[in-house]
Amino acid sequence: MLNFGRYKLWLLVGGSLLLSLACYHLIQQYIDENTQRQVLQQQEVEAAVLVSQRDLMAGETIQEEYLVVRNYPQRLVQETWLRPSDAVAIIGLTTSRFVERGEPFTAEAIAVGRQLGLAGRLSAGRYAVTAQVSLQQLHHGLLQVGDWVTLRGRNYLSEQAPVELVNIPVIAFDQFETTQHIDMQVGGYLPTTITFEMTAEQAQQFEQIRQQDFALWLQHDNAYQPSVQVRPIKIHWFATDRATQHELF
């Protein structure tokens, strides 16, 4: 009877301990959840913003590596600040003013590119040269913008050999830079001026022949002559391979 009483006592003590541990676990879980809920309620909503990774001078081109995404509290974010989705639109543009490292990008800090005119589309070191042309020089309307021509004529100031300019691209007729706006069919519009793209040396030579009638020859693709001669590629063999070079093909 005494042993049964002790067993019952230990059973009650063990049950009390288990119940206490369970209550402690539930209370601790409630405290943690309540604390986390309060932190989330107090935490501000943040927004991602594009900022500069380093100092950028005015007129500097924006590169991808210059852009960094940083989170700011929503209440501090201004409407003019650019977001990560704007990165593609500003890469390659230039800054209109000094941008400090860590400063959010804004639209007013970026220079909007201007529409390039004809000068902006010329290759480096090239010049646009315009001359009056006849129906014959236009090949009766068959000449197109983008064709390559050879110009040939005599220097009106000397009796030297004729001047010949090859590989001259046609870049415009009158004020049109594309032939799709020109109807050069029979009875249609025929331009009176033509614009070529030339180097400075070619332009100087052309000034010597434009005072007289000059021939305008339309070049075939196979007749294209590169202005800079391509250096031929020479294959060098190792001394040990010379005897067996026929086996390498």
C-alpha atoms as a PDB file:
ATOM      1  CA  MET A   1       0.000   0.000   0.000  1.00  0.00           C
ATOM      2  CA  LEU A   2       2.904   2.294   0.820  1.00  0.00           C
ATOM      3  CA  ASN A   3       4.589   1.572  -2.533  1.00  0.00           C
ATOM      4  CA  PHE A   4       1.394   2.352  -4.396  1.00  0.00           C
ATOM      5  CA  GLY A   5       1.191   5.728  -2.655  1.00  0.00           C
ATOM      6  CA  ARG A   6       4.760   6.576  -3.638  1.00  0.00           C
ATOM      7  CA  TYR A   7       4.095   5.567  -7.235  1.00  0.00           C
ATOM      8  CA  LYS A   8       1.031   7.773  -7.316  1.00  0.00           C
ATOM      9  CA  LEU A   9       3.031  10.671  -5.891  1.00  0.00           C
ATOM     10  CA  TRP A  10       5.761  10.345  -8.504  1.00  0.00           C
ATOM     11  CA  LEU A  11       3.127  10.134 -11.204  1.00  0.00           C
ATOM     12  CA  LEU A  12       1.550  13.381 -10.045  1.00  0.00           C
ATOM     13  CA  VAL A  13       4.931  15.114  -9.851  1.00  0.00           C
ATOM     14  CA  GLY A  14       5.887  13.929 -13.354  1.00  0.00           C
ATOM     15  CA  GLY A  15       2.557  15.010 -14.798  1.00  0.00           C
ATOM     16  CA  SER A  16       2.913  18.421 -13.203  1.00  0.00           C
ATOM     17  CA  LEU A  17       6.381  18.844 -14.696  1.00  0.00           C
ATOM     18  CA  LEU A  18       5.181  17.865 -18.159  1.00  0.00           C
ATOM     19  CA  LEU A  19       2.239  20.212 -17.884  1.00  0.00           C
ATOM     20  CA  SER A  20       4.526  23.031 -16.749  1.00  0.00           C
ATOM     21  CA  LEU A  21       6.890  22.452 -19.684  1.00  0.00           C
ATOM     22  CA  ALA A  22       3.995  22.433 -22.131  1.00  0.00           C
ATOM     23  CA  CYS A  23       2.630  25.654 -20.676  1.00  0.00           C
ATOM     24  CA  TYR A  24       6.075  27.263 -20.816  1.00  0.00           C
ATOM     25  CA  HIS A  25       6.456  26.259 -24.482  1.00  0.00           C
ATOM     26  CA  LEU A  26       3.034  27.665 -25.383  1.00  0.00           C
ATOM     27  CA  ILE A  27       3.703  30.898 -23.502  1.00  0.00           C
ATOM     28  CA  GLN A  28       7.127  31.302 -25.169  1.00  0.00           C
ATOM     29  CA  GLN A  29       5.642  30.632 -28.605  1.00  0.00           C
ATOM     30  CA  TYR A  30       2.936  33.219 -27.958  1.00  0.00           C
ATOM     31  CA  ILE A  31       5.541  35.778 -26.869  1.00  0.00           C
ATOM     32  CA  ASP A  32       7.685  35.141 -29.971  1.00  0.00           C
ATOM     33  CA  GLU A  33       4.731  35.408 -32.342  1.00  0.00           C
ATOM     34  CA  ASN A  34       3.484  38.550 -30.650  1.00  0.00           C
ATOM     35  CA  THR A  35       6.953  40.122 -30.762  1.00  0.00           C
ATOM     36  CA  GLN A  36       7.352  39.277 -34.452  1.00  0.00           C
ATOM     37  CA  ARG A  37       3.916  40.687 -35.184  1.00  0.00           C
ATOM     38  CA  GLN A  38       4.794  43.943 -33.450  1.00  0.00           C
ATOM     39  CA  VAL A  39       8.095  44.192 -35.342  1.00  0.00           C
ATOM     40  CA  LEU A  40       6.335  43.685 -38.674  1.00  0.00           C
ATOM     41  CA  GLN A  41       3.758  46.292 -37.771  1.00  0.00           C
ATOM     42  CA  GLN A  42       6.434  48.808 -36.839  1.00  0.00           C
ATOM     43  CA  GLN A  43       8.664  48.006 -39.815  1.00  0.00           C
ATOM     44  CA  GLU A  44       8.191  50.430 -42.748  1.00  0.00           C
ATOM     45  CA  VAL A  45       7.526  49.301 -46.290  1.00  0.00           C
ATOM     46  CA  GLU A  46      10.644  49.756 -48.433  1.00  0.00           C
ATOM     47  CA  ALA A  47      11.019  50.487 -52.146  1.00  0.00           C
ATOM     48  CA  ALA A  48      13.926  49.651 -54.465  1.00  0.00           C
ATOM     49  CA  VAL A  49      15.675  52.637 -56.060  1.00  0.00           C
ATOM     50  CA  LEU A  50      18.519  53.021 -58.585  1.00  0.00           C
ATOM     51  CA  VAL A  51      21.551  54.788 -57.122  1.00  0.00           C
ATOM     52  CA  SER A  52      25.001  55.589 -58.478  1.00  0.00           C
ATOM     53  CA  GLN A  53      27.794  53.197 -57.564  1.00  0.00           C
ATOM     54  CA  ARG A  54      30.401  55.986 -57.847  1.00  0.00           C
ATOM     55  CA  ASP A  55      30.780  59.692 -58.535  1.00  0.00           C
ATOM     56  CA  LEU A  56      29.788  60.567 -62.102  1.00  0.00           C
ATOM     57  CA  MET A  57      30.882  63.754 -63.828  1.00  0.00           C
ATOM     58  CA  ALA A  58      28.535  65.714 -66.074  1.00  0.00           C
ATOM     59  CA  GLY A  59      28.509  64.292 -69.595  1.00  0.00           C
ATOM     60  CA  GLU A  60      29.694  60.845 -68.501  1.00  0.00           C
ATOM     61  CA  THR A  61      28.099  57.823 -70.163  1.00  0.00           C
ATOM     62  CA  ILE A  62      26.102  55.634 -67.783  1.00  0.00           C
ATOM     63  CA  GLN A  63      27.344  52.048 -67.756  1.00  0.00           C
ATOM     64  CA  GLU A  64      25.620  49.009 -66.285  1.00  0.00           C
ATOM     65  CA  GLU A  65      28.271  48.636 -63.585  1.00  0.00           C
ATOM     66  CA  TYR A  66      27.543  52.184 -62.367  1.00  0.00           C
ATOM     67  CA  LEU A  67      24.009  51.215 -61.268  1.00  0.00           C
ATOM     68  CA  VAL A  68      23.205  49.816 -57.820  1.00  0.00           C
ATOM     69  CA  VAL A  69      19.812  48.934 -56.314  1.00  0.00           C
ATOM     70  CA  ARG A  70      19.194  50.223 -52.789  1.00  0.00           C
ATOM     71  CA  ASN A  71      16.086  49.976 -50.598  1.00  0.00           C
ATOM     72  CA  TYR A  72      14.636  53.107 -49.005  1.00  0.00           C
ATOM     73  CA  PRO A  73      11.618  53.532 -46.704  1.00  0.00           C
ATOM     74  CA  GLN A  74       8.595  54.178 -48.868  1.00  0.00           C
ATOM     75  CA  ARG A  75       7.880  57.486 -47.114  1.00  0.00           C
ATOM     76  CA  LEU A  76      11.304  58.828 -48.180  1.00  0.00           C
ATOM     77  CA  VAL A  77      11.152  57.802 -51.832  1.00  0.00           C
ATOM     78  CA  GLN A  78      10.461  60.697 -54.193  1.00  0.00           C
ATOM     79  CA  GLU A  79       8.442  60.317 -57.373  1.00  0.00           C
ATOM     80  CA  THR A  80      11.371  61.482 -59.510  1.00  0.00           C
ATOM     81  CA  TRP A  81      13.680  58.700 -58.295  1.00  0.00           C
ATOM     82  CA  LEU A  82      14.253  55.988 -60.878  1.00  0.00           C
ATOM     83  CA  ARG A  83      13.444  52.349 -60.150  1.00  0.00           C
ATOM     84  CA  PRO A  84      15.322  49.175 -61.203  1.00  0.00           C
ATOM     85  CA  SER A  85      12.927  48.755 -64.138  1.00  0.00           C
ATOM     86  CA  ASP A  86      14.323  52.019 -65.579  1.00  0.00           C
ATOM     87  CA  ALA A  87      17.884  50.681 -65.796  1.00  0.00           C
ATOM     88  CA  VAL A  88      17.566  49.457 -69.388  1.00  0.00           C
ATOM     89  CA  ALA A  89      16.314  52.859 -70.531  1.00  0.00           C
ATOM     90  CA  ILE A  90      19.205  54.896 -69.075  1.00  0.00           C
ATOM     91  CA  ILE A  91      22.196  52.647 -69.828  1.00  0.00           C
ATOM     92  CA  GLY A  92      24.173  54.335 -72.602  1.00  0.00           C
ATOM     93  CA  LEU A  93      22.795  57.814 -71.899  1.00  0.00           C
ATOM     94  CA  THR A  94      24.885  60.608 -70.387  1.00  0.00           C
ATOM     95  CA  THR A  95      24.575  62.555 -67.161  1.00  0.00           C
ATOM     96  CA  SER A  96      23.442  66.177 -67.358  1.00  0.00           C
ATOM     97  CA  ARG A  97      25.165  67.122 -64.087  1.00  0.00           C
ATOM     98  CA  PHE A  98      27.449  65.743 -61.396  1.00  0.00           C
ATOM     99  CA  VAL A  99      25.950  62.678 -59.652  1.00  0.00           C
ATOM    100  CA  GLU A 100      27.363  61.827 -56.243  1.00  0.00           C
ATOM    101  CA  ARG A 101      28.143  58.274 -55.173  1.00  0.00           C
ATOM    102  CA  GLY A 102      25.039  56.731 -53.572  1.00  0.00           C
ATOM    103  CA  GLU A 103      22.725  59.418 -54.960  1.00  0.00           C
ATOM    104  CA  PRO A 104      19.437  58.153 -56.431  1.00  0.00           C
ATOM    105  CA  PHE A 105      19.176  58.646 -60.180  1.00  0.00           C
ATOM    106  CA  THR A 106      16.527  61.081 -61.375  1.00  0.00           C
ATOM    107  CA  ALA A 107      15.263  62.011 -64.816  1.00  0.00           C
ATOM    108  CA  GLU A 108      16.695  65.525 -64.567  1.00  0.00           C
ATOM    109  CA  ALA A 109      20.190  64.121 -63.944  1.00  0.00           C
ATOM    110  CA  ILE A 110      20.173  62.355 -67.317  1.00  0.00           C
ATOM    111  CA  ALA A 111      20.656  64.175 -70.603  1.00  0.00           C
ATOM    112  CA  VAL A 112      18.075  63.269 -73.204  1.00  0.00           C
ATOM    113  CA  GLY A 113      19.860  62.428 -76.447  1.00  0.00           C
ATOM    114  CA  ARG A 114      19.139  64.792 -79.298  1.00  0.00           C
ATOM    115  CA  GLN A 115      18.102  63.577 -82.709  1.00  0.00           C
ATOM    116  CA  LEU A 116      21.239  63.353 -84.796  1.00  0.00           C
ATOM    117  CA  GLY A 117      21.285  65.148 -88.120  1.00  0.00           C
ATOM    118  CA  LEU A 118      23.228  64.132 -91.189  1.00  0.00           C
ATOM    119  CA  ALA A 119      26.518  65.145 -89.548  1.00  0.00           C
ATOM    120  CA  GLY A 120      25.867  62.751 -86.681  1.00  0.00           C
ATOM    121  CA  ARG A 121      25.444  59.849 -89.091  1.00  0.00           C
ATOM    122  CA  LEU A 122      28.700  60.406 -90.947  1.00  0.00           C
ATOM    123  CA  SER A 123      31.607  58.111 -90.187  1.00  0.00           C
ATOM    124  CA  ALA A 124      34.548  59.585 -88.306  1.00  0.00           C
ATOM    125  CA  GLY A 125      36.809  61.595 -90.612  1.00  0.00           C
ATOM    126  CA  ARG A 126      34.192  61.707 -93.396  1.00  0.00           C
ATOM    127  CA  TYR A 127      32.421  64.648 -95.017  1.00  0.00           C
ATOM    128  CA  ALA A 128      29.136  65.086 -96.864  1.00  0.00           C
ATOM    129  CA  VAL A 129      29.712  66.649-100.292  1.00  0.00           C
ATOM    130  CA  THR A 130      26.743  67.725-102.415  1.00  0.00           C
ATOM    131  CA  ALA A 131      26.829  68.349-106.148  1.00  0.00           C
ATOM    132  CA  GLN A 132      24.348  69.022-108.921  1.00  0.00           C
ATOM    133  CA  VAL A 133      23.641  66.044-111.137  1.00  0.00           C
ATOM    134  CA  SER A 134      22.104  65.525-114.518  1.00  0.00           C
ATOM    135  CA  LEU A 135      19.646  62.925-115.714  1.00  0.00           C
ATOM    136  CA  GLN A 136      22.516  61.005-117.260  1.00  0.00           C
ATOM    137  CA  GLN A 137      24.510  60.996-114.018  1.00  0.00           C
ATOM    138  CA  LEU A 138      21.439  59.685-112.190  1.00  0.00           C
ATOM    139  CA  HIS A 139      21.370  56.790-114.669  1.00  0.00           C
ATOM    140  CA  HIS A 140      17.878  58.021-115.513  1.00  0.00           C
ATOM    141  CA  GLY A 141      16.622  57.355-111.991  1.00  0.00           C
ATOM    142  CA  LEU A 142      18.225  53.949-111.486  1.00  0.00           C
ATOM    143  CA  LEU A 143      20.783  55.269-108.997  1.00  0.00           C
ATOM    144  CA  GLN A 144      19.780  54.629-105.382  1.00  0.00           C
ATOM    145  CA  VAL A 145      20.820  55.876-101.959  1.00  0.00           C
ATOM    146  CA  GLY A 146      23.325  53.354-100.642  1.00  0.00           C
ATOM    147  CA  ASP A 147      24.922  52.657-104.034  1.00  0.00           C
ATOM    148  CA  TRP A 148      28.689  52.906-104.430  1.00  0.00           C
ATOM    149  CA  VAL A 149      29.983  54.877-107.397  1.00  0.00           C
ATOM    150  CA  THR A 150      33.194  55.879-109.119  1.00  0.00           C
ATOM    151  CA  LEU A 151      33.620  59.558-110.045  1.00  0.00           C
ATOM    152  CA  ARG A 152      35.901  60.457-112.925  1.00  0.00           C
ATOM    153  CA  GLY A 153      36.762  63.846-114.397  1.00  0.00           C
ATOM    154  CA  ARG A 154      39.552  66.225-115.373  1.00  0.00           C
ATOM    155  CA  ASN A 155      41.117  68.939-113.297  1.00  0.00           C
ATOM    156  CA  TYR A 156      40.010  72.187-114.906  1.00  0.00           C
ATOM    157  CA  LEU A 157      43.193  73.922-113.704  1.00  0.00           C
ATOM    158  CA  SER A 158      45.716  71.528-115.211  1.00  0.00           C
ATOM    159  CA  GLU A 159      46.272  69.090-118.028  1.00  0.00           C
ATOM    160  CA  GLN A 160      47.137  66.216-115.757  1.00  0.00           C
ATOM    161  CA  ALA A 161      45.649  62.748-115.983  1.00  0.00           C
ATOM    162  CA  PRO A 162      41.959  62.431-115.116  1.00  0.00           C
ATOM    163  CA  VAL A 163      41.044  62.270-111.442  1.00  0.00           C
ATOM    164  CA  GLU A 164      39.302  59.054-110.466  1.00  0.00           C
ATOM    165  CA  LEU A 165      37.603  58.561-107.103  1.00  0.00           C
ATOM    166  CA  VAL A 166      36.428  55.041-106.283  1.00  0.00           C
ATOM    167  CA  ASN A 167      34.229  53.602-103.536  1.00  0.00           C
ATOM    168  CA  ILE A 168      32.156  56.752-103.040  1.00  0.00           C
ATOM    169  CA  PRO A 169      28.852  56.020-101.253  1.00  0.00           C
ATOM    170  CA  VAL A 170      25.675  57.881-102.178  1.00  0.00           C
ATOM    171  CA  ILE A 171      24.002  59.031 -98.944  1.00  0.00           C
ATOM    172  CA  ALA A 172      21.242  61.416-100.089  1.00  0.00           C
ATOM    173  CA  PHE A 173      19.269  62.883-102.984  1.00  0.00           C
ATOM    174  CA  ASP A 174      18.253  66.511-102.480  1.00  0.00           C
ATOM    175  CA  GLN A 175      16.862  66.579 -98.902  1.00  0.00           C
ATOM    176  CA  PHE A 176      16.033  62.864 -98.863  1.00  0.00           C
ATOM    177  CA  GLU A 177      18.289  60.341 -97.130  1.00  0.00           C
ATOM    178  CA  THR A 178      16.346  57.329 -98.368  1.00  0.00           C
ATOM    179  CA  THR A 179      14.963  56.519-101.792  1.00  0.00           C
ATOM    180  CA  GLN A 180      11.695  55.199-100.390  1.00  0.00           C
ATOM    181  CA  HIS A 181      10.443  58.803-100.281  1.00  0.00           C
ATOM    182  CA  ILE A 182      11.388  59.455-103.907  1.00  0.00           C
ATOM    183  CA  ASP A 183       9.345  58.353-106.895  1.00  0.00           C
ATOM    184  CA  MET A 184      11.927  58.131-109.670  1.00  0.00           C
ATOM    185  CA  GLN A 185       9.734  56.188-112.052  1.00  0.00           C
ATOM    186  CA  VAL A 186       8.939  57.483-115.529  1.00  0.00           C
ATOM    187  CA  GLY A 187       7.221  60.844-115.174  1.00  0.00           C
ATOM    188  CA  GLY A 188       7.977  60.963-111.456  1.00  0.00           C
ATOM    189  CA  TYR A 189      10.294  63.071-109.340  1.00  0.00           C
ATOM    190  CA  LEU A 190      13.980  63.238-110.257  1.00  0.00           C
ATOM    191  CA  PRO A 191      16.435  64.895-107.849  1.00  0.00           C
ATOM    192  CA  THR A 192      18.745  67.673-108.956  1.00  0.00           C
ATOM    193  CA  THR A 193      21.458  67.224-106.331  1.00  0.00           C
ATOM    194  CA  ILE A 194      23.279  64.239-104.919  1.00  0.00           C
ATOM    195  CA  THR A 195      25.274  63.942-101.686  1.00  0.00           C
ATOM    196  CA  PHE A 196      28.342  61.742-101.348  1.00  0.00           C
ATOM    197  CA  GLU A 197      30.308  60.676 -98.289  1.00  0.00           C
ATOM    198  CA  MET A 198      34.021  61.332 -98.761  1.00  0.00           C
ATOM    199  CA  THR A 199      37.281  61.598 -96.932  1.00  0.00           C
ATOM    200  CA  ALA A 200      38.960  65.000 -96.778  1.00  0.00           C
ATOM    201  CA  GLU A 201      41.396  63.987 -99.527  1.00  0.00           C
ATOM    202  CA  GLN A 202      38.600  62.735-101.772  1.00  0.00           C
ATOM    203  CA  ALA A 203      36.619  65.935-101.202  1.00  0.00           C
ATOM    204  CA  GLN A 204      39.611  68.063-102.226  1.00  0.00           C
ATOM    205  CA  GLN A 205      40.085  66.016-105.387  1.00  0.00           C
ATOM    206  CA  PHE A 206      36.390  66.221-106.186  1.00  0.00           C
ATOM    207  CA  GLU A 207      36.492  70.023-105.991  1.00  0.00           C
ATOM    208  CA  GLN A 208      38.962  69.912-108.883  1.00  0.00           C
ATOM    209  CA  ILE A 209      36.576  68.053-111.205  1.00  0.00           C
ATOM    210  CA  ARG A 210      33.129  69.274-110.159  1.00  0.00           C
ATOM    211  CA  GLN A 211      33.517  72.505-112.160  1.00  0.00           C
ATOM    212  CA  GLN A 212      33.257  70.446-115.333  1.00  0.00           C
ATOM    213  CA  ASP A 213      31.081  67.518-116.240  1.00  0.00           C
ATOM    214  CA  PHE A 214      32.225  64.462-114.357  1.00  0.00           C
ATOM    215  CA  ALA A 215      31.339  60.885-115.101  1.00  0.00           C
ATOM    216  CA  LEU A 216      29.442  58.925-112.483  1.00  0.00           C
ATOM    217  CA  TRP A 217      29.908  55.177-112.815  1.00  0.00           C
ATOM    218  CA  LEU A 218      27.770  52.825-110.779  1.00  0.00           C
ATOM    219  CA  GLN A 219      29.933  50.116-109.236  1.00  0.00           C
ATOM    220  CA  HIS A 220      28.969  46.456-109.239  1.00  0.00           C
ATOM    221  CA  ASP A 221      29.347  44.627-105.943  1.00  0.00           C
ATOM    222  CA  ASN A 222      32.240  42.626-107.370  1.00  0.00           C
ATOM    223  CA  ALA A 223      33.881  45.858-108.530  1.00  0.00           C
ATOM    224  CA  TYR A 224      34.043  47.248-105.009  1.00  0.00           C
ATOM    225  CA  GLN A 225      37.592  48.271-104.185  1.00  0.00           C
ATOM    226  CA  PRO A 226      38.417  48.676-100.485  1.00  0.00           C
ATOM    227  CA  SER A 227      40.035  51.997 -99.674  1.00  0.00           C
ATOM    228  CA  VAL A 228      42.427  50.232 -97.298  1.00  0.00           C
ATOM    229  CA  GLN A 229      44.110  47.223 -98.819  1.00  0.00           C
ATOM    230  CA  VAL A 230      43.593  44.111 -96.742  1.00  0.00           C
ATOM    231  CA  ARG A 231      46.838  42.613 -95.525  1.00  0.00           C
ATOM    232  CA  PRO A 232      47.106  39.036 -96.851  1.00  0.00           C
ATOM    233  CA  ILE A 233      47.137  36.263 -94.270  1.00  0.00           C
ATOM    234  CA  LYS A 234      50.176  34.026 -94.427  1.00  0.00           C
ATOM    235  CA  ILE A 235      50.157  30.661 -92.685  1.00  0.00           C
ATOM    236  CA  HIS A 236      53.417  29.799 -90.959  1.00  0.00           C
ATOM    237  CA  TRP A 237      54.349  26.187 -90.355  1.00  0.00           C
ATOM    238  CA  PHE A 238      56.419  24.822 -87.531  1.00  0.00           C
ATOM    239  CA  ALA A 239      59.635  23.201 -88.720  1.00  0.00           C
ATOM    240  CA  THR A 240      58.486  19.805 -87.458  1.00  0.00           C
ATOM    241  CA  ASP A 241      55.240  20.082 -89.445  1.00  0.00           C
ATOM    242  CA  ARG A 242      56.713  20.999 -92.833  1.00  0.00           C
ATOM    243  CA  ALA A 243      57.349  17.394 -93.797  1.00  0.00           C
ATOM    244  CA  THR A 244      53.812  16.341 -92.884  1.00  0.00           C
ATOM    245  CA  GLN A 245      51.837  19.484 -93.723  1.00  0.00           C
ATOM    246  CA  HIS A 246      49.942  17.618 -96.465  1.00  0.00           C
ATOM    247  CA  GLU A 247      48.472  15.423 -93.741  1.00  0.00           C
ATOM    248  CA  LEU A 248      46.925  18.417 -91.940  1.00  0.00           C
ATOM    249  CA  PHE A 249      44.309  19.033 -94.643  1.00  0.00           C
END
